[in-house]
Each structure stands twice: as structure tokens, then as C-alpha cells.
Amino acid sequence: MSKNITIPFLTEDGEEIQFYIMEQTMIGGVNYLLVTEDLEDEDAEVMMMKENPDSDGEFASYEFVEDDDELNAISKVFSELMEDVDIEILYD
């Protein structure tokens, strides 16, 4: 993505974090985002989020992709879309 577009994310503690959207893609009707807190650090941690639209389709919330199979599949797609970025999955 060419612009520095951010989305706010509210933590469980009520803290708001701004994530920069690095890339997005639609797979199987689901919108996925590759986000980071720091665009300047080439070793910055990136996260994958998926969109959850409300029942009216007007508003969306985002959640982190946590399912290992889904995470592996989506990371391969983002790796292909962003050839200059190496994505390494770190499991908790």
C-alpha cells in the first residue's frame, strides 16, 4: 500500500494502538490485513488481522488471526504480495 493508512485497535486494557496497514487482500470473502506498529524498523513485528463486518455490513471490527492453519495460508499470500518483505511466523 502506498499511503500510511492506520487503523485503531483497542486492547483488553482499554489502550488504543494505531496499526499501519502494510497490505490487504481478500480471500474467500474475508478481508485480511498485514499490519505493524512501526513502519521505520525493517525488523518490525507484523501481525495479520481479519475483518469481521457487522450484520448490516456497515461497520467492521478486526481480530488477530490466531488459527495456525489460517495463519500459515494467509502468510504465504502476503509473502507473495510483498516480495521485499520476509514473513516469519512466531508461535506463542
PDB file of N, CA and C in Angstrom:
ATOM      1  N   MET A   1       0.849  -1.172   0.000  1.00  0.00           N
ATOM      2  CA  MET A   1       0.000   0.000   0.000  1.00  0.00           C
ATOM      3  C   MET A   1       0.893   1.232   0.000  1.00  0.00           C
ATOM      4  N   SER A   2       0.513   2.249  -0.720  1.00  0.00           N
ATOM      5  CA  SER A   2       1.368   3.412  -0.879  1.00  0.00           C
ATOM      6  C   SER A   2       1.182   4.467   0.205  1.00  0.00           C
ATOM      7  N   LYS A   3       0.042   4.555   0.820  1.00  0.00           N
ATOM      8  CA  LYS A   3      -0.212   5.575   1.833  1.00  0.00           C
ATOM      9  C   LYS A   3      -0.050   4.970   3.220  1.00  0.00           C
ATOM     10  N   ASN A   4       0.233   5.820   4.192  1.00  0.00           N
ATOM     11  CA  ASN A   4       0.361   5.367   5.572  1.00  0.00           C
ATOM     12  C   ASN A   4      -1.004   5.379   6.245  1.00  0.00           C
ATOM     13  N   ILE A   5      -1.811   4.398   5.914  1.00  0.00           N
ATOM     14  CA  ILE A   5      -3.157   4.284   6.468  1.00  0.00           C
ATOM     15  C   ILE A   5      -3.073   3.505   7.771  1.00  0.00           C
ATOM     16  N   THR A   6      -3.742   4.004   8.801  1.00  0.00           N
ATOM     17  CA  THR A   6      -3.737   3.330  10.090  1.00  0.00           C
ATOM     18  C   THR A   6      -5.154   2.939  10.478  1.00  0.00           C
ATOM     19  N   ILE A   7      -5.209   1.939  11.342  1.00  0.00           N
ATOM     20  CA  ILE A   7      -6.477   1.579  11.970  1.00  0.00           C
ATOM     21  C   ILE A   7      -6.241   1.540  13.472  1.00  0.00           C
ATOM     22  N   PRO A   8      -7.215   2.004  14.237  1.00  0.00           N
ATOM     23  CA  PRO A   8      -7.061   1.929  15.693  1.00  0.00           C
ATOM     24  C   PRO A   8      -7.452   0.535  16.178  1.00  0.00           C
ATOM     25  N   PHE A   9      -6.760   0.072  17.203  1.00  0.00           N
ATOM     26  CA  PHE A   9      -7.081  -1.211  17.816  1.00  0.00           C
ATOM     27  C   PHE A   9      -7.133  -0.989  19.313  1.00  0.00           C
ATOM     28  N   LEU A  10      -8.201  -1.443  19.943  1.00  0.00           N
ATOM     29  CA  LEU A  10      -8.392  -1.271  21.380  1.00  0.00           C
ATOM     30  C   LEU A  10      -8.008  -2.563  22.085  1.00  0.00           C
ATOM     31  N   THR A  11      -7.025  -2.491  22.988  1.00  0.00           N
ATOM     32  CA  THR A  11      -6.583  -3.673  23.720  1.00  0.00           C
ATOM     33  C   THR A  11      -7.582  -4.017  24.820  1.00  0.00           C
ATOM     34  N   GLU A  12      -7.377  -5.182  25.435  1.00  0.00           N
ATOM     35  CA  GLU A  12      -8.236  -5.593  26.547  1.00  0.00           C
ATOM     36  C   GLU A  12      -8.128  -4.629  27.718  1.00  0.00           C
ATOM     37  N   ASP A  13      -6.992  -3.929  27.835  1.00  0.00           N
ATOM     38  CA  ASP A  13      -6.777  -2.957  28.914  1.00  0.00           C
ATOM     39  C   ASP A  13      -7.354  -1.589  28.595  1.00  0.00           C
ATOM     40  N   GLY A  14      -7.963  -1.440  27.418  1.00  0.00           N
ATOM     41  CA  GLY A  14      -8.541  -0.173  27.024  1.00  0.00           C
ATOM     42  C   GLY A  14      -7.564   0.773  26.350  1.00  0.00           C
ATOM     43  N   GLU A  15      -6.340   0.303  26.098  1.00  0.00           N
ATOM     44  CA  GLU A  15      -5.334   1.124  25.425  1.00  0.00           C
ATOM     45  C   GLU A  15      -5.565   1.074  23.919  1.00  0.00           C
ATOM     46  N   GLU A  16      -5.504   2.243  23.275  1.00  0.00           N
ATOM     47  CA  GLU A  16      -5.660   2.297  21.825  1.00  0.00           C
ATOM     48  C   GLU A  16      -4.289   2.299  21.164  1.00  0.00           C
ATOM     49  N   ILE A  17      -4.120   1.379  20.213  1.00  0.00           N
ATOM     50  CA  ILE A  17      -2.877   1.260  19.452  1.00  0.00           C
ATOM     51  C   ILE A  17      -3.207   1.524  17.996  1.00  0.00           C
ATOM     52  N   GLN A  18      -2.370   2.298  17.331  1.00  0.00           N
ATOM     53  CA  GLN A  18      -2.537   2.550  15.910  1.00  0.00           C
ATOM     54  C   GLN A  18      -1.661   1.574  15.130  1.00  0.00           C
ATOM     55  N   PHE A  19      -2.269   0.818  14.250  1.00  0.00           N
ATOM     56  CA  PHE A  19      -1.532  -0.094  13.388  1.00  0.00           C
ATOM     57  C   PHE A  19      -1.501   0.471  11.979  1.00  0.00           C
ATOM     58  N   TYR A  20      -0.324   0.429  11.358  1.00  0.00           N
ATOM     59  CA  TYR A  20      -0.176   0.804   9.954  1.00  0.00           C
ATOM     60  C   TYR A  20      -0.539  -0.400   9.098  1.00  0.00           C
ATOM     61  N   ILE A  21      -1.352  -0.179   8.093  1.00  0.00           N
ATOM     62  CA  ILE A  21      -1.718  -1.248   7.177  1.00  0.00           C
ATOM     63  C   ILE A  21      -0.648  -1.324   6.098  1.00  0.00           C
ATOM     64  N   MET A  22       0.059  -2.438   6.054  1.00  0.00           N
ATOM     65  CA  MET A  22       1.112  -2.641   5.068  1.00  0.00           C
ATOM     66  C   MET A  22       0.552  -3.216   3.772  1.00  0.00           C
ATOM     67  N   GLU A  23      -0.432  -4.091   3.901  1.00  0.00           N
ATOM     68  CA  GLU A  23      -1.027  -4.755   2.740  1.00  0.00           C
ATOM     69  C   GLU A  23      -2.378  -5.304   3.154  1.00  0.00           C
ATOM     70  N   GLN A  24      -3.228  -5.492   2.178  1.00  0.00           N
ATOM     71  CA  GLN A  24      -4.503  -6.153   2.451  1.00  0.00           C
ATOM     72  C   GLN A  24      -4.873  -7.011   1.260  1.00  0.00           C
ATOM     73  N   THR A  25      -5.661  -8.048   1.537  1.00  0.00           N
ATOM     74  CA  THR A  25      -6.103  -8.950   0.488  1.00  0.00           C
ATOM     75  C   THR A  25      -7.424  -9.578   0.898  1.00  0.00           C
ATOM     76  N   MET A  26      -8.175 -10.002  -0.084  1.00  0.00           N
ATOM     77  CA  MET A  26      -9.453 -10.660   0.158  1.00  0.00           C
ATOM     78  C   MET A  26      -9.302 -12.121  -0.249  1.00  0.00           C
ATOM     79  N   ILE A  27      -9.603 -13.022   0.673  1.00  0.00           N
ATOM     80  CA  ILE A  27      -9.524 -14.458   0.410  1.00  0.00           C
ATOM     81  C   ILE A  27     -10.809 -15.098   0.930  1.00  0.00           C
ATOM     82  N   GLY A  28     -11.492 -15.787   0.053  1.00  0.00           N
ATOM     83  CA  GLY A  28     -12.714 -16.471   0.458  1.00  0.00           C
ATOM     84  C   GLY A  28     -13.762 -15.540   1.034  1.00  0.00           C
ATOM     85  N   GLY A  29     -13.804 -14.319   0.531  1.00  0.00           N
ATOM     86  CA  GLY A  29     -14.781 -13.347   1.016  1.00  0.00           C
ATOM     87  C   GLY A  29     -14.406 -12.669   2.324  1.00  0.00           C
ATOM     88  N   VAL A  30     -13.206 -12.948   2.832  1.00  0.00           N
ATOM     89  CA  VAL A  30     -12.740 -12.348   4.087  1.00  0.00           C
ATOM     90  C   VAL A  30     -11.601 -11.392   3.768  1.00  0.00           C
ATOM     91  N   ASN A  31     -11.680 -10.180   4.308  1.00  0.00           N
ATOM     92  CA  ASN A  31     -10.636  -9.176   4.126  1.00  0.00           C
ATOM     93  C   ASN A  31      -9.573  -9.370   5.202  1.00  0.00           C
ATOM     94  N   TYR A  32      -8.320  -9.553   4.771  1.00  0.00           N
ATOM     95  CA  TYR A  32      -7.192  -9.723   5.685  1.00  0.00           C
ATOM     96  C   TYR A  32      -6.263  -8.533   5.570  1.00  0.00           C
ATOM     97  N   LEU A  33      -5.680  -8.142   6.709  1.00  0.00           N
ATOM     98  CA  LEU A  33      -4.736  -7.032   6.757  1.00  0.00           C
ATOM     99  C   LEU A  33      -3.411  -7.506   7.322  1.00  0.00           C
ATOM    100  N   LEU A  34      -2.325  -7.003   6.759  1.00  0.00           N
ATOM    101  CA  LEU A  34      -0.998  -7.179   7.322  1.00  0.00           C
ATOM    102  C   LEU A  34      -0.645  -5.839   7.950  1.00  0.00           C
ATOM    103  N   VAL A  35      -0.457  -5.815   9.260  1.00  0.00           N
ATOM    104  CA  VAL A  35      -0.273  -4.548   9.980  1.00  0.00           C
ATOM    105  C   VAL A  35       0.994  -4.574  10.824  1.00  0.00           C
ATOM    106  N   THR A  36       1.463  -3.369  11.159  1.00  0.00           N
ATOM    107  CA  THR A  36       2.609  -3.203  12.049  1.00  0.00           C
ATOM    108  C   THR A  36       2.428  -1.920  12.842  1.00  0.00           C
ATOM    109  N   GLU A  37       3.135  -1.838  13.969  1.00  0.00           N
ATOM    110  CA  GLU A  37       3.128  -0.608  14.760  1.00  0.00           C
ATOM    111  C   GLU A  37       4.207   0.359  14.296  1.00  0.00           C
ATOM    112  N   ASP A  38       5.220  -0.146  13.572  1.00  0.00           N
ATOM    113  CA  ASP A  38       6.381   0.662  13.213  1.00  0.00           C
ATOM    114  C   ASP A  38       6.761   0.422  11.756  1.00  0.00           C
ATOM    115  N   LEU A  39       6.586   1.433  10.923  1.00  0.00           N
ATOM    116  CA  LEU A  39       6.950   1.312   9.511  1.00  0.00           C
ATOM    117  C   LEU A  39       8.432   1.547   9.264  1.00  0.00           C
ATOM    118  N   GLU A  40       9.116   2.181  10.208  1.00  0.00           N
ATOM    119  CA  GLU A  40      10.514   2.558  10.016  1.00  0.00           C
ATOM    120  C   GLU A  40      11.486   1.412  10.277  1.00  0.00           C
ATOM    121  N   ASP A  41      11.153   0.516  11.177  1.00  0.00           N
ATOM    122  CA  ASP A  41      12.042  -0.571  11.571  1.00  0.00           C
ATOM    123  C   ASP A  41      11.882  -1.748  10.614  1.00  0.00           C
ATOM    124  N   GLU A  42      12.968  -2.085   9.900  1.00  0.00           N
ATOM    125  CA  GLU A  42      12.873  -3.173   8.924  1.00  0.00           C
ATOM    126  C   GLU A  42      12.700  -4.539   9.590  1.00  0.00           C
ATOM    127  N   ASP A  43      12.980  -4.634  10.884  1.00  0.00           N
ATOM    128  CA  ASP A  43      12.778  -5.878  11.625  1.00  0.00           C
ATOM    129  C   ASP A  43      11.532  -5.821  12.508  1.00  0.00           C
ATOM    130  N   ALA A  44      10.631  -4.919  12.184  1.00  0.00           N
ATOM    131  CA  ALA A  44       9.432  -4.744  12.994  1.00  0.00           C
ATOM    132  C   ALA A  44       8.543  -5.982  12.930  1.00  0.00           C
ATOM    133  N   GLU A  45       7.845  -6.196  14.005  1.00  0.00           N
ATOM    134  CA  GLU A  45       6.890  -7.297  14.069  1.00  0.00           C
ATOM    135  C   GLU A  45       5.648  -6.916  13.263  1.00  0.00           C
ATOM    136  N   VAL A  46       5.166  -7.865  12.465  1.00  0.00           N
ATOM    137  CA  VAL A  46       3.914  -7.655  11.733  1.00  0.00           C
ATOM    138  C   VAL A  46       2.893  -8.653  12.238  1.00  0.00           C
ATOM    139  N   MET A  47       1.642  -8.277  12.125  1.00  0.00           N
ATOM    140  CA  MET A  47       0.549  -9.137  12.544  1.00  0.00           C
ATOM    141  C   MET A  47      -0.473  -9.235  11.423  1.00  0.00           C
ATOM    142  N   MET A  48      -1.200 -10.311  11.421  1.00  0.00           N
ATOM    143  CA  MET A  48      -2.259 -10.492  10.441  1.00  0.00           C
ATOM    144  C   MET A  48      -3.589 -10.409  11.158  1.00  0.00           C
ATOM    145  N   MET A  49      -4.465  -9.603  10.587  1.00  0.00           N
ATOM    146  CA  MET A  49      -5.789  -9.411  11.159  1.00  0.00           C
ATOM    147  C   MET A  49      -6.824  -9.736  10.096  1.00  0.00           C
ATOM    148  N   LYS A  50      -8.021 -10.088  10.562  1.00  0.00           N
ATOM    149  CA  LYS A  50      -9.111 -10.298   9.618  1.00  0.00           C
ATOM    150  C   LYS A  50     -10.302  -9.457  10.038  1.00  0.00           C
ATOM    151  N   GLU A  51     -11.036  -9.056   9.029  1.00  0.00           N
ATOM    152  CA  GLU A  51     -12.182  -8.177   9.222  1.00  0.00           C
ATOM    153  C   GLU A  51     -13.420  -8.991   9.572  1.00  0.00           C
ATOM    154  N   ASN A  52     -14.169  -8.487  10.522  1.00  0.00           N
ATOM    155  CA  ASN A  52     -15.446  -9.081  10.899  1.00  0.00           C
ATOM    156  C   ASN A  52     -16.526  -8.015  10.746  1.00  0.00           C
ATOM    157  N   PRO A  53     -17.211  -7.995   9.592  1.00  0.00           N
ATOM    158  CA  PRO A  53     -18.253  -6.980   9.411  1.00  0.00           C
ATOM    159  C   PRO A  53     -19.447  -7.244  10.323  1.00  0.00           C
ATOM    160  N   ASP A  54     -20.125  -6.151  10.684  1.00  0.00           N
ATOM    161  CA  ASP A  54     -21.336  -6.339  11.486  1.00  0.00           C
ATOM    162  C   ASP A  54     -22.453  -6.876  10.599  1.00  0.00           C
ATOM    163  N   SER A  55     -23.580  -7.174  11.190  1.00  0.00           N
ATOM    164  CA  SER A  55     -24.680  -7.810  10.445  1.00  0.00           C
ATOM    165  C   SER A  55     -25.222  -6.925   9.321  1.00  0.00           C
ATOM    166  N   ASP A  56     -25.077  -5.603   9.451  1.00  0.00           N
ATOM    167  CA  ASP A  56     -25.535  -4.683   8.409  1.00  0.00           C
ATOM    168  C   ASP A  56     -24.479  -4.478   7.319  1.00  0.00           C
ATOM    169  N   GLY A  57     -23.267  -4.888   7.598  1.00  0.00           N
ATOM    170  CA  GLY A  57     -22.183  -4.700   6.647  1.00  0.00           C
ATOM    171  C   GLY A  57     -21.650  -3.278   6.601  1.00  0.00           C
ATOM    172  N   GLU A  58     -22.084  -2.436   7.549  1.00  0.00           N
ATOM    173  CA  GLU A  58     -21.673  -1.035   7.554  1.00  0.00           C
ATOM    174  C   GLU A  58     -20.385  -0.802   8.339  1.00  0.00           C
ATOM    175  N   PHE A  59     -20.202  -1.529   9.426  1.00  0.00           N
ATOM    176  CA  PHE A  59     -19.036  -1.346  10.283  1.00  0.00           C
ATOM    177  C   PHE A  59     -18.310  -2.675  10.411  1.00  0.00           C
ATOM    178  N   ALA A  60     -17.034  -2.595  10.687  1.00  0.00           N
ATOM    179  CA  ALA A  60     -16.244  -3.807  10.834  1.00  0.00           C
ATOM    180  C   ALA A  60     -15.374  -3.713  12.075  1.00  0.00           C
ATOM    181  N   SER A  61     -15.122  -4.848  12.637  1.00  0.00           N
ATOM    182  CA  SER A  61     -14.117  -4.941  13.688  1.00  0.00           C
ATOM    183  C   SER A  61     -13.032  -5.868  13.158  1.00  0.00           C
ATOM    184  N   TYR A  62     -11.888  -5.826  13.782  1.00  0.00           N
ATOM    185  CA  TYR A  62     -10.760  -6.636  13.338  1.00  0.00           C
ATOM    186  C   TYR A  62     -10.262  -7.473  14.495  1.00  0.00           C
ATOM    187  N   GLU A  63      -9.844  -8.674  14.172  1.00  0.00           N
ATOM    188  CA  GLU A  63      -9.248  -9.544  15.175  1.00  0.00           C
ATOM    189  C   GLU A  63      -7.982 -10.158  14.598  1.00  0.00           C
ATOM    190  N   PHE A  64      -7.062 -10.510  15.475  1.00  0.00           N
ATOM    191  CA  PHE A  64      -5.832 -11.143  15.028  1.00  0.00           C
ATOM    192  C   PHE A  64      -6.126 -12.558  14.552  1.00  0.00           C
ATOM    193  N   VAL A  65      -5.438 -12.969  13.504  1.00  0.00           N
ATOM    194  CA  VAL A  65      -5.556 -14.341  13.018  1.00  0.00           C
ATOM    195  C   VAL A  65      -4.758 -15.209  13.983  1.00  0.00           C
ATOM    196  N   GLU A  66      -5.430 -16.162  14.618  1.00  0.00           N
ATOM    197  CA  GLU A  66      -4.773 -16.999  15.614  1.00  0.00           C
ATOM    198  C   GLU A  66      -4.720 -18.470  15.231  1.00  0.00           C
ATOM    199  N   ASP A  67      -5.586 -18.901  14.344  1.00  0.00           N
ATOM    200  CA  ASP A  67      -5.595 -20.291  13.911  1.00  0.00           C
ATOM    201  C   ASP A  67      -4.338 -20.574  13.094  1.00  0.00           C
ATOM    202  N   ASP A  68      -3.576 -21.589  13.499  1.00  0.00           N
ATOM    203  CA  ASP A  68      -2.289 -21.885  12.856  1.00  0.00           C
ATOM    204  C   ASP A  68      -2.421 -22.168  11.364  1.00  0.00           C
ATOM    205  N   ASP A  69      -3.417 -22.951  10.967  1.00  0.00           N
ATOM    206  CA  ASP A  69      -3.588 -23.270   9.545  1.00  0.00           C
ATOM    207  C   ASP A  69      -3.939 -22.020   8.741  1.00  0.00           C
ATOM    208  N   GLU A  70      -4.838 -21.208   9.281  1.00  0.00           N
ATOM    209  CA  GLU A  70      -5.231 -19.966   8.614  1.00  0.00           C
ATOM    210  C   GLU A  70      -4.032 -19.015   8.547  1.00  0.00           C
ATOM    211  N   LEU A  71      -3.278 -18.926   9.627  1.00  0.00           N
ATOM    212  CA  LEU A  71      -2.109 -18.049   9.687  1.00  0.00           C
ATOM    213  C   LEU A  71      -1.068 -18.459   8.650  1.00  0.00           C
ATOM    214  N   ASN A  72      -0.802 -19.743   8.535  1.00  0.00           N
ATOM    215  CA  ASN A  72       0.166 -20.229   7.537  1.00  0.00           C
ATOM    216  C   ASN A  72      -0.286 -19.911   6.122  1.00  0.00           C
ATOM    217  N   ALA A  73      -1.565 -20.148   5.827  1.00  0.00           N
ATOM    218  CA  ALA A  73      -2.091 -19.895   4.482  1.00  0.00           C
ATOM    219  C   ALA A  73      -2.038 -18.413   4.138  1.00  0.00           C
ATOM    220  N   ILE A  74      -2.470 -17.574   5.054  1.00  0.00           N
ATOM    221  CA  ILE A  74      -2.504 -16.131   4.809  1.00  0.00           C
ATOM    222  C   ILE A  74      -1.089 -15.573   4.701  1.00  0.00           C
ATOM    223  N   SER A  75      -0.161 -16.084   5.504  1.00  0.00           N
ATOM    224  CA  SER A  75       1.219 -15.580   5.440  1.00  0.00           C
ATOM    225  C   SER A  75       1.843 -15.877   4.083  1.00  0.00           C
ATOM    226  N   LYS A  76       1.507 -16.999   3.482  1.00  0.00           N
ATOM    227  CA  LYS A  76       2.030 -17.318   2.145  1.00  0.00           C
ATOM    228  C   LYS A  76       1.519 -16.322   1.106  1.00  0.00           C
ATOM    229  N   VAL A  77       0.250 -15.951   1.234  1.00  0.00           N
ATOM    230  CA  VAL A  77      -0.329 -14.978   0.301  1.00  0.00           C
ATOM    231  C   VAL A  77       0.348 -13.625   0.472  1.00  0.00           C
ATOM    232  N   PHE A  78       0.514 -13.167   1.707  1.00  0.00           N
ATOM    233  CA  PHE A  78       1.168 -11.880   1.940  1.00  0.00           C
ATOM    234  C   PHE A  78       2.631 -11.914   1.484  1.00  0.00           C
ATOM    235  N   SER A  79       3.311 -13.035   1.653  1.00  0.00           N
ATOM    236  CA  SER A  79       4.696 -13.152   1.192  1.00  0.00           C
ATOM    237  C   SER A  79       4.789 -12.982  -0.314  1.00  0.00           C
ATOM    238  N   GLU A  80       3.818 -13.525  -1.032  1.00  0.00           N
ATOM    239  CA  GLU A  80       3.799 -13.372  -2.486  1.00  0.00           C
ATOM    240  C   GLU A  80       3.463 -11.942  -2.897  1.00  0.00           C
ATOM    241  N   LEU A  81       2.550 -11.303  -2.165  1.00  0.00           N
ATOM    242  CA  LEU A  81       2.155  -9.934  -2.494  1.00  0.00           C
ATOM    243  C   LEU A  81       3.277  -8.945  -2.202  1.00  0.00           C
ATOM    244  N   MET A  82       4.054  -9.217  -1.186  1.00  0.00           N
ATOM    245  CA  MET A  82       5.110  -8.294  -0.754  1.00  0.00           C
ATOM    246  C   MET A  82       6.453  -9.006  -0.868  1.00  0.00           C
ATOM    247  N   GLU A  83       6.955  -9.098  -2.066  1.00  0.00           N
ATOM    248  CA  GLU A  83       8.176  -9.851  -2.324  1.00  0.00           C
ATOM    249  C   GLU A  83       9.383  -9.342  -1.552  1.00  0.00           C
ATOM    250  N   ASP A  84       9.394  -8.052  -1.192  1.00  0.00           N
ATOM    251  CA  ASP A  84      10.544  -7.480  -0.498  1.00  0.00           C
ATOM    252  C   ASP A  84      10.460  -7.614   1.019  1.00  0.00           C
ATOM    253  N   VAL A  85       9.435  -8.310   1.520  1.00  0.00           N
ATOM    254  CA  VAL A  85       9.245  -8.485   2.952  1.00  0.00           C
ATOM    255  C   VAL A  85       9.325  -9.974   3.294  1.00  0.00           C
ATOM    256  N   ASP A  86      10.160 -10.314   4.268  1.00  0.00           N
ATOM    257  CA  ASP A  86      10.247 -11.684   4.748  1.00  0.00           C
ATOM    258  C   ASP A  86       9.319 -11.831   5.948  1.00  0.00           C
ATOM    259  N   ILE A  87       8.390 -12.776   5.846  1.00  0.00           N
ATOM    260  CA  ILE A  87       7.452 -13.011   6.941  1.00  0.00           C
ATOM    261  C   ILE A  87       7.826 -14.311   7.626  1.00  0.00           C
ATOM    262  N   GLU A  88       8.118 -14.202   8.907  1.00  0.00           N
ATOM    263  CA  GLU A  88       8.450 -15.369   9.714  1.00  0.00           C
ATOM    264  C   GLU A  88       7.389 -15.477  10.797  1.00  0.00           C
ATOM    265  N   ILE A  89       6.753 -16.629  10.885  1.00  0.00           N
ATOM    266  CA  ILE A  89       5.688 -16.822  11.874  1.00  0.00           C
ATOM    267  C   ILE A  89       6.317 -17.228  13.192  1.00  0.00           C
ATOM    268  N   LEU A  90       5.991 -16.479  14.223  1.00  0.00           N
ATOM    269  CA  LEU A  90       6.445 -16.791  15.588  1.00  0.00           C
ATOM    270  C   LEU A  90       5.250 -17.259  16.374  1.00  0.00           C
ATOM    271  N   TYR A  91       5.304 -18.464  16.857  1.00  0.00           N
ATOM    272  CA  TYR A  91       4.200 -19.035  17.625  1.00  0.00           C
ATOM    273  C   TYR A  91       4.417 -18.776  19.106  1.00  0.00           C
ATOM    274  N   ASP A  92       3.321 -18.525  19.793  1.00  0.00           N
ATOM    275  CA  ASP A  92       3.397 -18.306  21.259  1.00  0.00           C
ATOM    276  C   ASP A  92       3.676 -19.588  21.987  1.00  0.00           C
TER     277      ASP A  92
END
